PDB file of all heavy atoms in Angstrom:
ATOM      1  N   PRO A   1     129.276  81.074 113.756  1.00  0.00           N
ATOM      2  CA  PRO A   1     129.433  81.387 115.172  1.00  0.00           C
ATOM      3  C   PRO A   1     128.389  80.753 116.070  1.00  0.00           C
ATOM      4  O   PRO A   1     128.612  80.618 117.267  1.00  0.00           O
ATOM      5  CB  PRO A   1     129.320  82.920 115.209  1.00  0.00           C
ATOM      6  CG  PRO A   1     129.701  83.366 113.830  1.00  0.00           C
ATOM      7  CD  PRO A   1     129.162  82.303 112.919  1.00  0.00           C
ATOM      8  N   SER A   2     127.242  80.341 115.479  1.00  0.00           N
ATOM      9  CA  SER A   2     126.170  79.769 116.297  1.00  0.00           C
ATOM     10  C   SER A   2     126.247  78.252 116.392  1.00  0.00           C
ATOM     11  O   SER A   2     126.282  77.689 117.487  1.00  0.00           O
ATOM     12  CB  SER A   2     124.803  80.180 115.741  1.00  0.00           C
ATOM     13  OG  SER A   2     124.614  81.569 115.880  1.00  0.00           O
ATOM     14  N   CYS A   3     126.300  77.576 115.221  1.00  0.00           N
ATOM     15  CA  CYS A   3     126.261  76.115 115.238  1.00  0.00           C
ATOM     16  C   CYS A   3     127.588  75.461 114.882  1.00  0.00           C
ATOM     17  O   CYS A   3     127.691  74.230 114.862  1.00  0.00           O
ATOM     18  CB  CYS A   3     125.169  75.607 114.284  1.00  0.00           C
ATOM     19  SG  CYS A   3     125.515  75.983 112.538  1.00  0.00           S
ATOM     20  N   ARG A   4     128.605  76.285 114.549  1.00  0.00           N
ATOM     21  CA  ARG A   4     129.939  75.823 114.204  1.00  0.00           C
ATOM     22  C   ARG A   4     130.000  75.032 112.909  1.00  0.00           C
ATOM     23  O   ARG A   4     130.963  74.309 112.657  1.00  0.00           O
ATOM     24  CB  ARG A   4     130.545  74.963 115.337  1.00  0.00           C
ATOM     25  CG  ARG A   4     130.400  75.543 116.741  1.00  0.00           C
ATOM     26  CD  ARG A   4     130.970  76.932 116.821  1.00  0.00           C
ATOM     27  NE  ARG A   4     132.408  76.965 116.594  1.00  0.00           N
ATOM     28  CZ  ARG A   4     133.127  78.068 116.461  1.00  0.00           C
ATOM     29  NH1 ARG A   4     132.503  79.259 116.484  1.00  0.00           N
ATOM     30  NH2 ARG A   4     134.428  77.996 116.284  1.00  0.00           N
ATOM     31  N   ALA A   5     128.962  75.163 112.075  1.00  0.00           N
ATOM     32  CA  ALA A   5     128.980  74.479 110.770  1.00  0.00           C
ATOM     33  C   ALA A   5     130.030  75.129 109.881  1.00  0.00           C
ATOM     34  O   ALA A   5     130.252  76.339 109.922  1.00  0.00           O
ATOM     35  CB  ALA A   5     127.606  74.547 110.120  1.00  0.00           C
ATOM     36  N   GLU A   6     130.692  74.304 109.029  1.00  0.00           N
ATOM     37  CA  GLU A   6     131.731  74.790 108.145  1.00  0.00           C
ATOM     38  C   GLU A   6     131.133  75.121 106.773  1.00  0.00           C
ATOM     39  O   GLU A   6     130.359  74.346 106.212  1.00  0.00           O
ATOM     40  CB  GLU A   6     132.829  73.737 107.988  1.00  0.00           C
ATOM     41  CG  GLU A   6     133.571  73.402 109.273  1.00  0.00           C
ATOM     42  CD  GLU A   6     134.493  74.523 109.717  1.00  0.00           C
ATOM     43  OE1 GLU A   6     134.818  75.376 108.869  1.00  0.00           O
ATOM     44  OE2 GLU A   6     134.881  74.548 110.905  1.00  0.00           O
ATOM     45  N   HIS A   7     131.512  76.287 106.236  1.00  0.00           N
ATOM     46  CA  HIS A   7     131.032  76.721 104.923  1.00  0.00           C
ATOM     47  C   HIS A   7     132.208  77.226 104.108  1.00  0.00           C
ATOM     48  O   HIS A   7     133.056  77.969 104.623  1.00  0.00           O
ATOM     49  CB  HIS A   7     129.990  77.839 105.064  1.00  0.00           C
ATOM     50  CG  HIS A   7     128.842  77.479 105.968  1.00  0.00           C
ATOM     51  ND1 HIS A   7     127.895  76.516 105.654  1.00  0.00           N
ATOM     52  CD2 HIS A   7     128.502  77.963 107.203  1.00  0.00           C
ATOM     53  CE1 HIS A   7     127.019  76.426 106.643  1.00  0.00           C
ATOM     54  NE2 HIS A   7     127.375  77.300 107.611  1.00  0.00           N
ATOM     55  N   ALA A   8     132.252  76.823 102.842  1.00  0.00           N
ATOM     56  CA  ALA A   8     133.317  77.279 101.950  1.00  0.00           C
ATOM     57  C   ALA A   8     132.925  78.631 101.370  1.00  0.00           C
ATOM     58  O   ALA A   8     131.863  78.783 100.762  1.00  0.00           O
ATOM     59  CB  ALA A   8     133.542  76.266 100.835  1.00  0.00           C
ATOM     60  N   ALA A   9     133.783  79.617 101.590  1.00  0.00           N
ATOM     61  CA  ALA A   9     133.500  80.968 101.082  1.00  0.00           C
ATOM     62  C   ALA A   9     134.747  81.815 101.245  1.00  0.00           C
ATOM     63  O   ALA A   9     135.574  81.577 102.124  1.00  0.00           O
ATOM     64  CB  ALA A   9     132.336  81.593 101.829  1.00  0.00           C
ATOM     65  N   THR A  10     134.875  82.790 100.362  1.00  0.00           N
ATOM     66  CA  THR A  10     136.013  83.714 100.455  1.00  0.00           C
ATOM     67  C   THR A  10     135.575  85.118 100.849  1.00  0.00           C
ATOM     68  O   THR A  10     136.407  85.937 101.206  1.00  0.00           O
ATOM     69  CB  THR A  10     136.752  83.777  99.105  1.00  0.00           C
ATOM     70  OG1 THR A  10     135.814  84.190  98.096  1.00  0.00           O
ATOM     71  CG2 THR A  10     137.327  82.416  98.743  1.00  0.00           C
ATOM     72  N   ALA A  11     134.260  85.396 100.761  1.00  0.00           N
ATOM     73  CA  ALA A  11     133.767  86.724 101.108  1.00  0.00           C
ATOM     74  C   ALA A  11     132.307  86.627 101.507  1.00  0.00           C
ATOM     75  O   ALA A  11     131.593  85.680 101.128  1.00  0.00           O
ATOM     76  CB  ALA A  11     133.929  87.693  99.945  1.00  0.00           C
ATOM     77  N   ALA A  12     131.842  87.632 102.259  1.00  0.00           N
ATOM     78  CA  ALA A  12     130.458  87.638 102.720  1.00  0.00           C
ATOM     79  C   ALA A  12     129.478  87.781 101.573  1.00  0.00           C
ATOM     80  O   ALA A  12     128.324  87.335 101.661  1.00  0.00           O
ATOM     81  CB  ALA A  12     130.265  88.777 103.736  1.00  0.00           C
ATOM     82  N   THR A  13     129.944  88.381 100.460  1.00  0.00           N
ATOM     83  CA  THR A  13     129.046  88.599  99.313  1.00  0.00           C
ATOM     84  C   THR A  13     128.605  87.299  98.672  1.00  0.00           C
ATOM     85  O   THR A  13     127.684  87.297  97.846  1.00  0.00           O
ATOM     86  CB  THR A  13     129.745  89.485  98.289  1.00  0.00           C
ATOM     87  OG1 THR A  13     131.008  88.910  97.941  1.00  0.00           O
ATOM     88  CG2 THR A  13     129.969  90.882  98.839  1.00  0.00           C
ATOM     89  N   GLN A  14     129.247  86.169  99.016  1.00  0.00           N
ATOM     90  CA  GLN A  14     128.853  84.878  98.471  1.00  0.00           C
ATOM     91  C   GLN A  14     127.590  84.334  99.134  1.00  0.00           C
ATOM     92  O   GLN A  14     127.009  83.367  98.642  1.00  0.00           O
ATOM     93  CB  GLN A  14     129.998  83.868  98.642  1.00  0.00           C
ATOM     94  CG  GLN A  14     131.229  84.208  97.812  1.00  0.00           C
ATOM     95  CD  GLN A  14     132.348  83.197  97.998  1.00  0.00           C
ATOM     96  OE1 GLN A  14     133.410  83.520  98.465  1.00  0.00           O
ATOM     97  NE2 GLN A  14     132.094  81.962  97.636  1.00  0.00           N
ATOM     98  N   PHE A  15     127.185  84.980 100.249  1.00  0.00           N
ATOM     99  CA  PHE A  15     125.988  84.531 100.938  1.00  0.00           C
ATOM    100  C   PHE A  15     124.862  85.519 100.665  1.00  0.00           C
ATOM    101  O   PHE A  15     125.090  86.733 100.581  1.00  0.00           O
ATOM    102  CB  PHE A  15     126.239  84.426 102.448  1.00  0.00           C
ATOM    103  CG  PHE A  15     127.331  83.455 102.800  1.00  0.00           C
ATOM    104  CD1 PHE A  15     128.572  83.918 103.211  1.00  0.00           C
ATOM    105  CD2 PHE A  15     127.127  82.084 102.680  1.00  0.00           C
ATOM    106  CE1 PHE A  15     129.587  83.044 103.531  1.00  0.00           C
ATOM    107  CE2 PHE A  15     128.150  81.195 103.002  1.00  0.00           C
ATOM    108  CZ  PHE A  15     129.382  81.660 103.413  1.00  0.00           C
ATOM    109  N   PRO A  16     123.649  85.037 100.533  1.00  0.00           N
ATOM    110  CA  PRO A  16     122.525  85.908 100.157  1.00  0.00           C
ATOM    111  C   PRO A  16     122.133  86.876 101.266  1.00  0.00           C
ATOM    112  O   PRO A  16     122.275  86.579 102.451  1.00  0.00           O
ATOM    113  CB  PRO A  16     121.399  84.908  99.881  1.00  0.00           C
ATOM    114  CG  PRO A  16     121.738  83.725 100.739  1.00  0.00           C
ATOM    115  CD  PRO A  16     123.237  83.614 100.720  1.00  0.00           C
ATOM    116  N   ILE A  17     121.662  88.059 100.849  1.00  0.00           N
ATOM    117  CA  ILE A  17     121.158  89.045 101.806  1.00  0.00           C
ATOM    118  C   ILE A  17     119.818  88.553 102.349  1.00  0.00           C
ATOM    119  O   ILE A  17     118.972  88.052 101.609  1.00  0.00           O
ATOM    120  CB  ILE A  17     120.991  90.411 101.132  1.00  0.00           C
ATOM    121  CG1 ILE A  17     122.352  90.942 100.661  1.00  0.00           C
ATOM    122  CG2 ILE A  17     120.321  91.409 102.059  1.00  0.00           C
ATOM    123  CD1 ILE A  17     122.258  92.187  99.817  1.00  0.00           C
ATOM    124  N   ASN A  18     119.626  88.723 103.640  1.00  0.00           N
ATOM    125  CA  ASN A  18     118.385  88.315 104.285  1.00  0.00           C
ATOM    126  C   ASN A  18     117.417  89.494 104.198  1.00  0.00           C
ATOM    127  O   ASN A  18     117.294  90.309 105.124  1.00  0.00           O
ATOM    128  CB  ASN A  18     118.645  87.926 105.740  1.00  0.00           C
ATOM    129  CG  ASN A  18     117.437  87.253 106.385  1.00  0.00           C
ATOM    130  OD1 ASN A  18     116.303  87.525 106.003  1.00  0.00           O
ATOM    131  ND2 ASN A  18     117.681  86.395 107.365  1.00  0.00           N
ATOM    132  N   TYR A  19     116.703  89.571 103.026  1.00  0.00           N
ATOM    133  CA  TYR A  19     115.789  90.695 102.810  1.00  0.00           C
ATOM    134  C   TYR A  19     114.636  90.662 103.800  1.00  0.00           C
ATOM    135  O   TYR A  19     114.083  91.699 104.195  1.00  0.00           O
ATOM    136  CB  TYR A  19     115.258  90.680 101.378  1.00  0.00           C
ATOM    137  CG  TYR A  19     116.345  90.929 100.361  1.00  0.00           C
ATOM    138  CD1 TYR A  19     116.759  89.920  99.492  1.00  0.00           C
ATOM    139  CD2 TYR A  19     116.952  92.179 100.260  1.00  0.00           C
ATOM    140  CE1 TYR A  19     117.763  90.130  98.563  1.00  0.00           C
ATOM    141  CE2 TYR A  19     117.957  92.404  99.335  1.00  0.00           C
ATOM    142  CZ  TYR A  19     118.365  91.382  98.482  1.00  0.00           C
ATOM    143  OH  TYR A  19     119.359  91.604  97.575  1.00  0.00           O
ATOM    144  N   GLY A  20     114.227  89.453 104.178  1.00  0.00           N
ATOM    145  CA  GLY A  20     113.143  89.349 105.151  1.00  0.00           C
ATOM    146  C   GLY A  20     113.536  89.970 106.489  1.00  0.00           C
ATOM    147  O   GLY A  20     112.735  90.646 107.138  1.00  0.00           O
ATOM    148  N   MET A  21     114.785  89.743 106.894  1.00  0.00           N
ATOM    149  CA  MET A  21     115.276  90.342 108.127  1.00  0.00           C
ATOM    150  C   MET A  21     115.308  91.854 108.010  1.00  0.00           C
ATOM    151  O   MET A  21     114.919  92.576 108.936  1.00  0.00           O
ATOM    152  CB  MET A  21     116.681  89.823 108.457  1.00  0.00           C
ATOM    153  CG  MET A  21     117.302  90.406 109.729  1.00  0.00           C
ATOM    154  SD  MET A  21     116.385  89.948 111.205  1.00  0.00           S
ATOM    155  CE  MET A  21     116.858  88.206 111.327  1.00  0.00           C
ATOM    156  N   GLU A  22     115.764  92.357 106.833  1.00  0.00           N
ATOM    157  CA  GLU A  22     115.806  93.803 106.632  1.00  0.00           C
ATOM    158  C   GLU A  22     114.405  94.412 106.697  1.00  0.00           C
ATOM    159  O   GLU A  22     114.196  95.469 107.298  1.00  0.00           O
ATOM    160  CB  GLU A  22     116.460  94.134 105.296  1.00  0.00           C
ATOM    161  CG  GLU A  22     117.967  93.923 105.279  1.00  0.00           C
ATOM    162  CD  GLU A  22     118.593  94.443 103.996  1.00  0.00           C
ATOM    163  OE1 GLU A  22     117.853  94.608 102.999  1.00  0.00           O
ATOM    164  OE2 GLU A  22     119.822  94.685 103.986  1.00  0.00           O
ATOM    165  N   ALA A  23     113.449  93.717 106.070  1.00  0.00           N
ATOM    166  CA  ALA A  23     112.073  94.221 106.081  1.00  0.00           C
ATOM    167  C   ALA A  23     111.509  94.222 107.500  1.00  0.00           C
ATOM    168  O   ALA A  23     110.810  95.159 107.918  1.00  0.00           O
ATOM    169  CB  ALA A  23     111.202  93.369 105.161  1.00  0.00           C
ATOM    170  N   LEU A  24     111.816  93.154 108.250  1.00  0.00           N
ATOM    171  CA  LEU A  24     111.339  93.069 109.627  1.00  0.00           C
ATOM    172  C   LEU A  24     111.925  94.204 110.475  1.00  0.00           C
ATOM    173  O   LEU A  24     111.216  94.843 111.265  1.00  0.00           O
ATOM    174  CB  LEU A  24     111.713  91.716 110.229  1.00  0.00           C
ATOM    175  CG  LEU A  24     111.367  91.522 111.717  1.00  0.00           C
ATOM    176  CD1 LEU A  24     109.866  91.642 111.936  1.00  0.00           C
ATOM    177  CD2 LEU A  24     111.870  90.164 112.206  1.00  0.00           C
ATOM    178  N   ILE A  25     113.213  94.448 110.278  1.00  0.00           N
ATOM    179  CA  ILE A  25     113.878  95.510 111.052  1.00  0.00           C
ATOM    180  C   ILE A  25     113.250  96.859 110.732  1.00  0.00           C
ATOM    181  O   ILE A  25     112.958  97.670 111.617  1.00  0.00           O
ATOM    182  CB  ILE A  25     115.383  95.520 110.753  1.00  0.00           C
ATOM    183  CG1 ILE A  25     116.023  94.231 111.295  1.00  0.00           C
ATOM    184  CG2 ILE A  25     116.049  96.749 111.363  1.00  0.00           C
ATOM    185  CD1 ILE A  25     117.453  94.054 110.876  1.00  0.00           C
ATOM    186  N   ARG A  26     113.010  97.127 109.422  1.00  0.00           N
ATOM    187  CA  ARG A  26     112.423  98.412 109.033  1.00  0.00           C
ATOM    188  C   ARG A  26     110.993  98.543 109.586  1.00  0.00           C
ATOM    189  O   ARG A  26     110.559  99.633 109.969  1.00  0.00           O
ATOM    190  CB  ARG A  26     112.427  98.545 107.522  1.00  0.00           C
ATOM    191  CG  ARG A  26     113.837  98.699 106.933  1.00  0.00           C
ATOM    192  CD  ARG A  26     113.772  99.059 105.452  1.00  0.00           C
ATOM    193  NE  ARG A  26     115.085  99.258 104.891  1.00  0.00           N
ATOM    194  CZ  ARG A  26     115.795  98.324 104.290  1.00  0.00           C
ATOM    195  NH1 ARG A  26     115.293  97.106 104.172  1.00  0.00           N
ATOM    196  NH2 ARG A  26     116.992  98.584 103.822  1.00  0.00           N
ATOM    197  N   LYS A  27     110.297  97.437 109.593  1.00  0.00           N
ATOM    198  CA  LYS A  27     108.940  97.474 110.121  1.00  0.00           C
ATOM    199  C   LYS A  27     108.951  97.775 111.618  1.00  0.00           C
ATOM    200  O   LYS A  27     108.127  98.554 112.119  1.00  0.00           O
ATOM    201  CB  LYS A  27     108.243  96.142 109.852  1.00  0.00           C
ATOM    202  CG  LYS A  27     106.777  96.136 110.291  1.00  0.00           C
ATOM    203  CD  LYS A  27     106.116  94.825 109.901  1.00  0.00           C
ATOM    204  CE  LYS A  27     104.645  94.825 110.312  1.00  0.00           C
ATOM    205  NZ  LYS A  27     103.973  93.552 109.966  1.00  0.00           N
ATOM    206  N   LEU A  28     109.898  97.118 112.334  1.00  0.00           N
ATOM    207  CA  LEU A  28     110.004  97.358 113.766  1.00  0.00           C
ATOM    208  C   LEU A  28     110.360  98.811 114.073  1.00  0.00           C
ATOM    209  O   LEU A  28     109.927  99.382 115.074  1.00  0.00           O
ATOM    210  CB  LEU A  28     111.057  96.430 114.386  1.00  0.00           C
ATOM    211  CG  LEU A  28     110.700  94.941 114.446  1.00  0.00           C
ATOM    212  CD1 LEU A  28     111.886  94.129 114.948  1.00  0.00           C
ATOM    213  CD2 LEU A  28     109.489  94.719 115.351  1.00  0.00           C
ATOM    214  N   LYS A  29     111.130  99.418 113.202  1.00  0.00           N
ATOM    215  CA  LYS A  29     111.554 100.792 113.393  1.00  0.00           C
ATOM    216  C   LYS A  29     110.648 101.790 112.705  1.00  0.00           C
ATOM    217  O   LYS A  29     110.916 103.000 112.711  1.00  0.00           O
ATOM    218  CB  LYS A  29     112.997 100.965 112.908  1.00  0.00           C
ATOM    219  CG  LYS A  29     114.008 100.176 113.738  1.00  0.00           C
ATOM    220  CD  LYS A  29     115.424 100.423 113.268  1.00  0.00           C
ATOM    221  CE  LYS A  29     116.414  99.697 114.149  1.00  0.00           C
ATOM    222  NZ  LYS A  29     116.420 100.212 115.533  1.00  0.00           N
ATOM    223  N   GLY A  30     109.610 101.310 112.058  1.00  0.00           N
ATOM    224  CA  GLY A  30     108.679 102.211 111.403  1.00  0.00           C
ATOM    225  C   GLY A  30     109.266 102.868 110.173  1.00  0.00           C
ATOM    226  O   GLY A  30     108.914 104.002 109.850  1.00  0.00           O
ATOM    227  N   ILE A  31     110.106 102.174 109.455  1.00  0.00           N
ATOM    228  CA  ILE A  31     110.749 102.725 108.260  1.00  0.00           C
ATOM    229  C   ILE A  31     110.202 102.021 107.033  1.00  0.00           C
ATOM    230  O   ILE A  31     109.985 100.804 107.035  1.00  0.00           O
ATOM    231  CB  ILE A  31     112.274 102.526 108.332  1.00  0.00           C
ATOM    232  CG1 ILE A  31     112.819 103.213 109.595  1.00  0.00           C
ATOM    233  CG2 ILE A  31     112.960 103.072 107.098  1.00  0.00           C
ATOM    234  CD1 ILE A  31     114.275 102.945 109.828  1.00  0.00           C
ATOM    235  N   GLU A  32     109.956 102.782 105.962  1.00  0.00           N
ATOM    236  CA  GLU A  32     109.428 102.209 104.737  1.00  0.00           C
ATOM    237  C   GLU A  32     110.409 101.226 104.133  1.00  0.00           C
ATOM    238  O   GLU A  32     111.621 101.423 104.185  1.00  0.00           O
ATOM    239  CB  GLU A  32     109.144 103.321 103.718  1.00  0.00           C
ATOM    240  CG  GLU A  32     108.013 104.249 104.130  1.00  0.00           C
ATOM    241  CD  GLU A  32     107.724 105.246 103.043  1.00  0.00           C
ATOM    242  OE1 GLU A  32     108.371 105.165 101.999  1.00  0.00           O
ATOM    243  OE2 GLU A  32     106.847 106.108 103.261  1.00  0.00           O
ATOM    244  N   VAL A  33     109.880 100.153 103.520  1.00  0.00           N
ATOM    245  CA  VAL A  33     110.712  99.150 102.866  1.00  0.00           C
ATOM    246  C   VAL A  33     111.240  99.702 101.554  1.00  0.00           C
ATOM    247  O   VAL A  33     110.505 100.297 100.768  1.00  0.00           O
ATOM    248  CB  VAL A  33     109.904  97.859 102.603  1.00  0.00           C
ATOM    249  CG1 VAL A  33     110.753  96.840 101.880  1.00  0.00           C
ATOM    250  CG2 VAL A  33     109.369  97.308 103.914  1.00  0.00           C
ATOM    251  N   VAL A  34     112.528  99.527 101.336  1.00  0.00           N
ATOM    252  CA  VAL A  34     113.146 100.006 100.096  1.00  0.00           C
ATOM    253  C   VAL A  34     113.149  98.867  99.088  1.00  0.00           C
ATOM    254  O   VAL A  34     113.670  97.781  99.384  1.00  0.00           O
ATOM    255  CB  VAL A  34     114.593 100.473 100.359  1.00  0.00           C
ATOM    256  CG1 VAL A  34     115.231 100.957  99.073  1.00  0.00           C
ATOM    257  CG2 VAL A  34     114.593 101.571 101.408  1.00  0.00           C
ATOM    258  N   PRO A  35     112.525  99.024  97.926  1.00  0.00           N
ATOM    259  CA  PRO A  35     112.507  97.954  96.920  1.00  0.00           C
ATOM    260  C   PRO A  35     113.916  97.546  96.551  1.00  0.00           C
ATOM    261  O   PRO A  35     114.863  98.335  96.620  1.00  0.00           O
ATOM    262  CB  PRO A  35     111.781  98.593  95.729  1.00  0.00           C
ATOM    263  CG  PRO A  35     111.001  99.726  96.335  1.00  0.00           C
ATOM    264  CD  PRO A  35     111.802 100.222  97.477  1.00  0.00           C
ATOM    265  N   GLU A  36     114.037  96.282  96.091  1.00  0.00           N
ATOM    266  CA  GLU A  36     115.361  95.736  95.758  1.00  0.00           C
ATOM    267  C   GLU A  36     116.032  96.539  94.683  1.00  0.00           C
ATOM    268  O   GLU A  36     117.231  96.758  94.682  1.00  0.00           O
ATOM    269  CB  GLU A  36     115.210  94.273  95.321  1.00  0.00           C
ATOM    270  CG  GLU A  36     116.542  93.614  94.975  1.00  0.00           C
ATOM    271  CD  GLU A  36     116.364  92.180  94.570  1.00  0.00           C
ATOM    272  OE1 GLU A  36     115.222  91.663  94.656  1.00  0.00           O
ATOM    273  OE2 GLU A  36     117.363  91.558  94.174  1.00  0.00           O
ATOM    274  N   LYS A  37     115.240  97.031  93.682  1.00  0.00           N
ATOM    275  CA  LYS A  37     115.837  97.751  92.563  1.00  0.00           C
ATOM    276  C   LYS A  37     116.347  99.127  92.991  1.00  0.00           C
ATOM    277  O   LYS A  37     117.114  99.735  92.273  1.00  0.00           O
ATOM    278  CB  LYS A  37     114.795  97.904  91.443  1.00  0.00           C
ATOM    279  CG  LYS A  37     114.408  96.596  90.804  1.00  0.00           C
ATOM    280  CD  LYS A  37     113.418  96.821  89.682  1.00  0.00           C
ATOM    281  CE  LYS A  37     113.026  95.516  89.009  1.00  0.00           C
ATOM    282  NZ  LYS A  37     112.063  95.726  87.908  1.00  0.00           N
ATOM    283  N   THR A  38     115.850  99.623  94.128  1.00  0.00           N
ATOM    284  CA  THR A  38     116.264 100.970  94.549  1.00  0.00           C
ATOM    285  C   THR A  38     117.083 100.920  95.833  1.00  0.00           C
ATOM    286  O   THR A  38     117.051 101.838  96.639  1.00  0.00           O
ATOM    287  CB  THR A  38     115.029 101.852  94.771  1.00  0.00           C
ATOM    288  OG1 THR A  38     114.224 101.250  95.800  1.00  0.00           O
ATOM    289  CG2 THR A  38     114.227 102.008  93.511  1.00  0.00           C
ATOM    290  N   LEU A  39     117.800  99.800  96.037  1.00  0.00           N
ATOM    291  CA  LEU A  39     118.593  99.670  97.253  1.00  0.00           C
ATOM    292  C   LEU A  39     119.666 100.727  97.345  1.00  0.00           C
ATOM    293  O   LEU A  39     120.088 101.107  98.419  1.00  0.00           O
ATOM    294  CB  LEU A  39     119.233  98.274  97.313  1.00  0.00           C
ATOM    295  CG  LEU A  39     118.280  97.117  97.660  1.00  0.00           C
ATOM    296  CD1 LEU A  39     119.026  95.808  97.619  1.00  0.00           C
ATOM    297  CD2 LEU A  39     117.633  97.338  99.016  1.00  0.00           C
ATOM    298  N   THR A  40     120.111 101.192  96.164  1.00  0.00           N
ATOM    299  CA  THR A  40     121.167 102.209  96.183  1.00  0.00           C
ATOM    300  C   THR A  40     120.619 103.585  96.498  1.00  0.00           C
ATOM    301  O   THR A  40     121.370 104.503  96.789  1.00  0.00           O
ATOM    302  CB  THR A  40     121.877 102.245  94.817  1.00  0.00           C
ATOM    303  OG1 THR A  40     120.899 102.502  93.807  1.00  0.00           O
ATOM    304  CG2 THR A  40     122.562 100.915  94.547  1.00  0.00           C
ATOM    305  N   ALA A  41     119.263 103.741  96.447  1.00  0.00           N
ATOM    306  CA  ALA A  41     118.680 105.047  96.754  1.00  0.00           C
ATOM    307  C   ALA A  41     118.718 105.289  98.255  1.00  0.00           C
ATOM    308  O   ALA A  41     118.695 104.366  99.059  1.00  0.00           O
ATOM    309  CB  ALA A  41     117.241 105.109  96.252  1.00  0.00           C
ATOM    310  N   LYS A  42     118.709 106.543  98.645  1.00  0.00           N
ATOM    311  CA  LYS A  42     118.779 106.920 100.048  1.00  0.00           C
ATOM    312  C   LYS A  42     117.432 106.642 100.717  1.00  0.00           C
ATOM    313  O   LYS A  42     116.402 107.121 100.244  1.00  0.00           O
ATOM    314  CB  LYS A  42     119.136 108.400 100.166  1.00  0.00           C
ATOM    315  CG  LYS A  42     119.370 108.837 101.607  1.00  0.00           C
ATOM    316  CD  LYS A  42     119.804 110.274 101.645  1.00  0.00           C
ATOM    317  CE  LYS A  42     120.067 110.716 103.075  1.00  0.00           C
ATOM    318  NZ  LYS A  42     120.506 112.127 103.127  1.00  0.00           N
TER     319      LYS A  42
END
């Protein structure tokens, strides 16, 4: 949607999660970072 580059993919799960963005968001909101192994934890 930003640069109009074409990418072959059938689902969003084919692209990596931006953990750095998630960590930044949690930091901005004052929320503890959830380790990758415990992502399913609340």
